[in-house]
C-alpha atoms as a PDB file:
ATOM      1  CA  UNK A   1      50.084 -20.776 -61.044  1.00  0.00           C
ATOM      2  CA  UNK A   2      50.626 -22.641 -57.795  1.00  0.00           C
ATOM      3  CA  UNK A   3      47.873 -24.294 -55.843  1.00  0.00           C
ATOM      4  CA  UNK A   4      47.148 -23.051 -52.279  1.00  0.00           C
ATOM      5  CA  UNK A   5      47.801 -26.551 -50.911  1.00  0.00           C
ATOM      6  CA  UNK A   6      51.293 -26.553 -52.445  1.00  0.00           C
ATOM      7  CA  UNK A   7      51.893 -23.254 -50.685  1.00  0.00           C
ATOM      8  CA  UNK A   8      50.734 -24.857 -47.407  1.00  0.00           C
ATOM      9  CA  UNK A   9      53.266 -27.665 -47.881  1.00  0.00           C
ATOM     10  CA  UNK A  10      56.000 -25.082 -48.462  1.00  0.00           C
ATOM     11  CA  UNK A  11      54.949 -23.200 -45.318  1.00  0.00           C
ATOM     12  CA  UNK A  12      54.969 -26.490 -43.394  1.00  0.00           C
ATOM     13  CA  UNK A  13      58.542 -27.303 -44.439  1.00  0.00           C
ATOM     14  CA  UNK A  14      59.759 -23.745 -43.866  1.00  0.00           C
ATOM     15  CA  UNK A  15      58.375 -23.867 -40.325  1.00  0.00           C
ATOM     16  CA  UNK A  16      59.754 -27.395 -39.864  1.00  0.00           C
ATOM     17  CA  UNK A  17      63.262 -26.348 -40.912  1.00  0.00           C
ATOM     18  CA  UNK A  18      63.130 -23.451 -38.443  1.00  0.00           C
ATOM     19  CA  UNK A  19      61.645 -25.732 -35.747  1.00  0.00           C
ATOM     20  CA  UNK A  20      58.899 -23.113 -35.373  1.00  0.00           C
ATOM     21  CA  UNK A  21      56.137 -25.041 -33.602  1.00  0.00           C
ATOM     22  CA  UNK A  22      53.763 -22.052 -33.597  1.00  0.00           C
ATOM     23  CA  UNK A  23      54.027 -21.720 -37.382  1.00  0.00           C
ATOM     24  CA  UNK A  24      53.591 -25.494 -37.750  1.00  0.00           C
ATOM     25  CA  UNK A  25      50.396 -25.350 -35.736  1.00  0.00           C
ATOM     26  CA  UNK A  26      49.135 -22.524 -37.977  1.00  0.00           C
ATOM     27  CA  UNK A  27      49.302 -24.726 -41.089  1.00  0.00           C
ATOM     28  CA  UNK A  28      48.225 -28.073 -39.598  1.00  0.00           C
ATOM     29  CA  UNK A  29      44.912 -29.221 -38.208  1.00  0.00           C
ATOM     30  CA  UNK A  30      44.913 -29.988 -34.463  1.00  0.00           C
ATOM     31  CA  UNK A  31      44.382 -33.684 -35.217  1.00  0.00           C
ATOM     32  CA  UNK A  32      46.983 -33.932 -37.999  1.00  0.00           C
ATOM     33  CA  UNK A  33      48.107 -37.493 -38.795  1.00  0.00           C
ATOM     34  CA  UNK A  34      50.818 -39.179 -40.839  1.00  0.00           C
ATOM     35  CA  UNK A  35      50.633 -42.797 -42.044  1.00  0.00           C
ATOM     36  CA  UNK A  36      53.685 -44.826 -42.944  1.00  0.00           C
ATOM     37  CA  UNK A  37      52.650 -48.349 -43.993  1.00  0.00           C
ATOM     38  CA  UNK A  38      54.743 -51.397 -43.364  1.00  0.00           C
ATOM     39  CA  UNK A  39      56.072 -53.795 -40.800  1.00  0.00           C
ATOM     40  CA  UNK A  40      59.051 -51.943 -39.429  1.00  0.00           C
ATOM     41  CA  UNK A  41      59.837 -49.725 -36.430  1.00  0.00           C
ATOM     42  CA  UNK A  42      58.820 -46.484 -38.174  1.00  0.00           C
ATOM     43  CA  UNK A  43      55.544 -47.760 -39.646  1.00  0.00           C
ATOM     44  CA  UNK A  44      52.157 -46.874 -38.257  1.00  0.00           C
ATOM     45  CA  UNK A  45      50.030 -43.778 -37.851  1.00  0.00           C
ATOM     46  CA  UNK A  46      51.451 -40.756 -36.082  1.00  0.00           C
ATOM     47  CA  UNK A  47      48.857 -38.440 -34.517  1.00  0.00           C
ATOM     48  CA  UNK A  48      49.259 -34.818 -33.502  1.00  0.00           C
ATOM     49  CA  UNK A  49      51.939 -32.346 -34.502  1.00  0.00           C
ATOM     50  CA  UNK A  50      54.514 -33.613 -31.981  1.00  0.00           C
ATOM     51  CA  UNK A  51      54.340 -37.212 -33.298  1.00  0.00           C
ATOM     52  CA  UNK A  52      54.338 -36.052 -36.927  1.00  0.00           C
ATOM     53  CA  UNK A  53      57.412 -33.870 -36.348  1.00  0.00           C
ATOM     54  CA  UNK A  54      59.174 -36.697 -34.506  1.00  0.00           C
ATOM     55  CA  UNK A  55      58.469 -38.926 -37.528  1.00  0.00           C
ATOM     56  CA  UNK A  56      59.942 -36.350 -39.949  1.00  0.00           C
ATOM     57  CA  UNK A  57      62.970 -35.961 -37.663  1.00  0.00           C
ATOM     58  CA  UNK A  58      63.516 -39.713 -37.658  1.00  0.00           C
ATOM     59  CA  UNK A  59      63.137 -39.944 -41.434  1.00  0.00           C
ATOM     60  CA  UNK A  60      65.626 -37.100 -41.820  1.00  0.00           C
ATOM     61  CA  UNK A  61      68.154 -39.032 -39.747  1.00  0.00           C
ATOM     62  CA  UNK A  62      68.199 -41.757 -42.421  1.00  0.00           C
ATOM     63  CA  UNK A  63      69.579 -39.334 -45.010  1.00  0.00           C
ATOM     64  CA  UNK A  64      66.617 -39.445 -47.387  1.00  0.00           C
ATOM     65  CA  UNK A  65      66.992 -37.353 -50.521  1.00  0.00           C
ATOM     66  CA  UNK A  66      63.777 -37.234 -52.558  1.00  0.00           C
ATOM     67  CA  UNK A  67      63.824 -36.467 -56.259  1.00  0.00           C
ATOM     68  CA  UNK A  68      60.374 -35.098 -57.105  1.00  0.00           C
ATOM     69  CA  UNK A  69      58.982 -36.368 -60.378  1.00  0.00           C
ATOM     70  CA  UNK A  70      55.372 -35.274 -60.537  1.00  0.00           C
ATOM     71  CA  UNK A  71      53.234 -33.204 -58.196  1.00  0.00           C
ATOM     72  CA  UNK A  72      49.518 -32.683 -58.680  1.00  0.00           C
ATOM     73  CA  UNK A  73      47.006 -30.881 -56.493  1.00  0.00           C
ATOM     74  CA  UNK A  74      43.323 -30.336 -55.965  1.00  0.00           C
ATOM     75  CA  UNK A  75      41.353 -28.800 -53.106  1.00  0.00           C
ATOM     76  CA  UNK A  76      41.573 -31.917 -50.913  1.00  0.00           C
ATOM     77  CA  UNK A  77      44.857 -33.618 -51.829  1.00  0.00           C
ATOM     78  CA  UNK A  78      48.372 -33.206 -53.143  1.00  0.00           C
ATOM     79  CA  UNK A  79      50.036 -36.243 -54.640  1.00  0.00           C
ATOM     80  CA  UNK A  80      53.757 -36.384 -55.226  1.00  0.00           C
ATOM     81  CA  UNK A  81      55.633 -39.128 -57.077  1.00  0.00           C
ATOM     82  CA  UNK A  82      59.279 -39.363 -55.994  1.00  0.00           C
ATOM     83  CA  UNK A  83      62.466 -41.340 -56.471  1.00  0.00           C
ATOM     84  CA  UNK A  84      64.069 -41.541 -53.028  1.00  0.00           C
ATOM     85  CA  UNK A  85      67.723 -42.198 -52.224  1.00  0.00           C
ATOM     86  CA  UNK A  86      69.093 -42.832 -48.747  1.00  0.00           C
ATOM     87  CA  UNK A  87      72.309 -44.105 -47.245  1.00  0.00           C
ATOM     88  CA  UNK A  88      72.489 -44.609 -43.515  1.00  0.00           C
ATOM     89  CA  UNK A  89      75.382 -46.333 -41.801  1.00  0.00           C
ATOM     90  CA  UNK A  90      76.314 -48.212 -44.954  1.00  0.00           C
ATOM     91  CA  UNK A  91      72.755 -49.363 -45.593  1.00  0.00           C
ATOM     92  CA  UNK A  92      71.335 -47.869 -48.778  1.00  0.00           C
ATOM     93  CA  UNK A  93      67.977 -47.773 -50.473  1.00  0.00           C
ATOM     94  CA  UNK A  94      66.730 -46.309 -53.728  1.00  0.00           C
ATOM     95  CA  UNK A  95      63.124 -46.687 -54.759  1.00  0.00           C
ATOM     96  CA  UNK A  96      59.936 -44.990 -55.876  1.00  0.00           C
ATOM     97  CA  UNK A  97      57.435 -43.538 -53.427  1.00  0.00           C
ATOM     98  CA  UNK A  98      54.171 -41.685 -53.616  1.00  0.00           C
ATOM     99  CA  UNK A  99      53.225 -39.226 -50.910  1.00  0.00           C
ATOM    100  CA  UNK A 100      49.592 -38.157 -50.592  1.00  0.00           C
ATOM    101  CA  UNK A 101      48.936 -35.065 -48.495  1.00  0.00           C
ATOM    102  CA  UNK A 102      45.371 -34.455 -47.248  1.00  0.00           C
ATOM    103  CA  UNK A 103      43.859 -31.022 -46.535  1.00  0.00           C
ATOM    104  CA  UNK A 104      40.754 -29.815 -44.744  1.00  0.00           C
ATOM    105  CA  UNK A 105      39.557 -26.341 -43.794  1.00  0.00           C
ATOM    106  CA  UNK A 106      42.623 -24.701 -45.330  1.00  0.00           C
ATOM    107  CA  UNK A 107      45.104 -26.718 -43.271  1.00  0.00           C
ATOM    108  CA  UNK A 108      47.249 -29.815 -43.625  1.00  0.00           C
ATOM    109  CA  UNK A 109      45.154 -32.658 -42.217  1.00  0.00           C
ATOM    110  CA  UNK A 110      47.588 -35.519 -42.799  1.00  0.00           C
ATOM    111  CA  UNK A 111      49.560 -37.610 -45.182  1.00  0.00           C
ATOM    112  CA  UNK A 112      50.396 -41.108 -46.287  1.00  0.00           C
ATOM    113  CA  UNK A 113      53.507 -42.606 -47.854  1.00  0.00           C
ATOM    114  CA  UNK A 114      53.119 -45.402 -50.411  1.00  0.00           C
ATOM    115  CA  UNK A 115      56.163 -47.459 -51.285  1.00  0.00           C
ATOM    116  CA  UNK A 116      56.686 -49.109 -54.671  1.00  0.00           C
ATOM    117  CA  UNK A 117      58.132 -52.127 -52.843  1.00  0.00           C
ATOM    118  CA  UNK A 118      56.965 -52.399 -49.243  1.00  0.00           C
ATOM    119  CA  UNK A 119      59.107 -55.482 -48.580  1.00  0.00           C
ATOM    120  CA  UNK A 120      62.232 -53.580 -49.650  1.00  0.00           C
ATOM    121  CA  UNK A 121      61.268 -50.591 -47.482  1.00  0.00           C
ATOM    122  CA  UNK A 122      60.605 -52.822 -44.458  1.00  0.00           C
ATOM    123  CA  UNK A 123      63.924 -54.586 -44.964  1.00  0.00           C
ATOM    124  CA  UNK A 124      65.805 -51.266 -45.073  1.00  0.00           C
ATOM    125  CA  UNK A 125      64.231 -49.863 -41.898  1.00  0.00           C
ATOM    126  CA  UNK A 126      64.559 -53.150 -40.036  1.00  0.00           C
ATOM    127  CA  UNK A 127      68.272 -53.402 -40.973  1.00  0.00           C
ATOM    128  CA  UNK A 128      69.025 -49.751 -40.160  1.00  0.00           C
ATOM    129  CA  UNK A 129      67.247 -49.950 -36.819  1.00  0.00           C
ATOM    130  CA  UNK A 130      68.689 -53.357 -35.958  1.00  0.00           C
ATOM    131  CA  UNK A 131      65.467 -55.340 -35.896  1.00  0.00           C
ATOM    132  CA  UNK A 132      66.159 -57.661 -38.849  1.00  0.00           C
END
């Protein structure tokens, strides 16, 4: 049996792939946020669907390929452990991440990435974006 919050994540990514902003708004809260810790150009908190989608677009441009290990869900959160691979312009990274999705009132309220090695993640993004 799947959890309703896992179905919401699937609906989010289906709408995202189609670039269907109306469908994205249906599954996200109006004040949706996304946190990406670190000291690099993509770190920080994105607020609102436009900023969250811009963040996902930017992450997609780095060629990230997540390998999902474990996903667990309850009524408030989904946690996903991943091994992530990326290669962008000759710069590569492979490491473990945890993504925690938050839900409220039947909608996606936000999410946070947690890196197994924040220094390594910062180094990758700073090199790829030319700030190192």
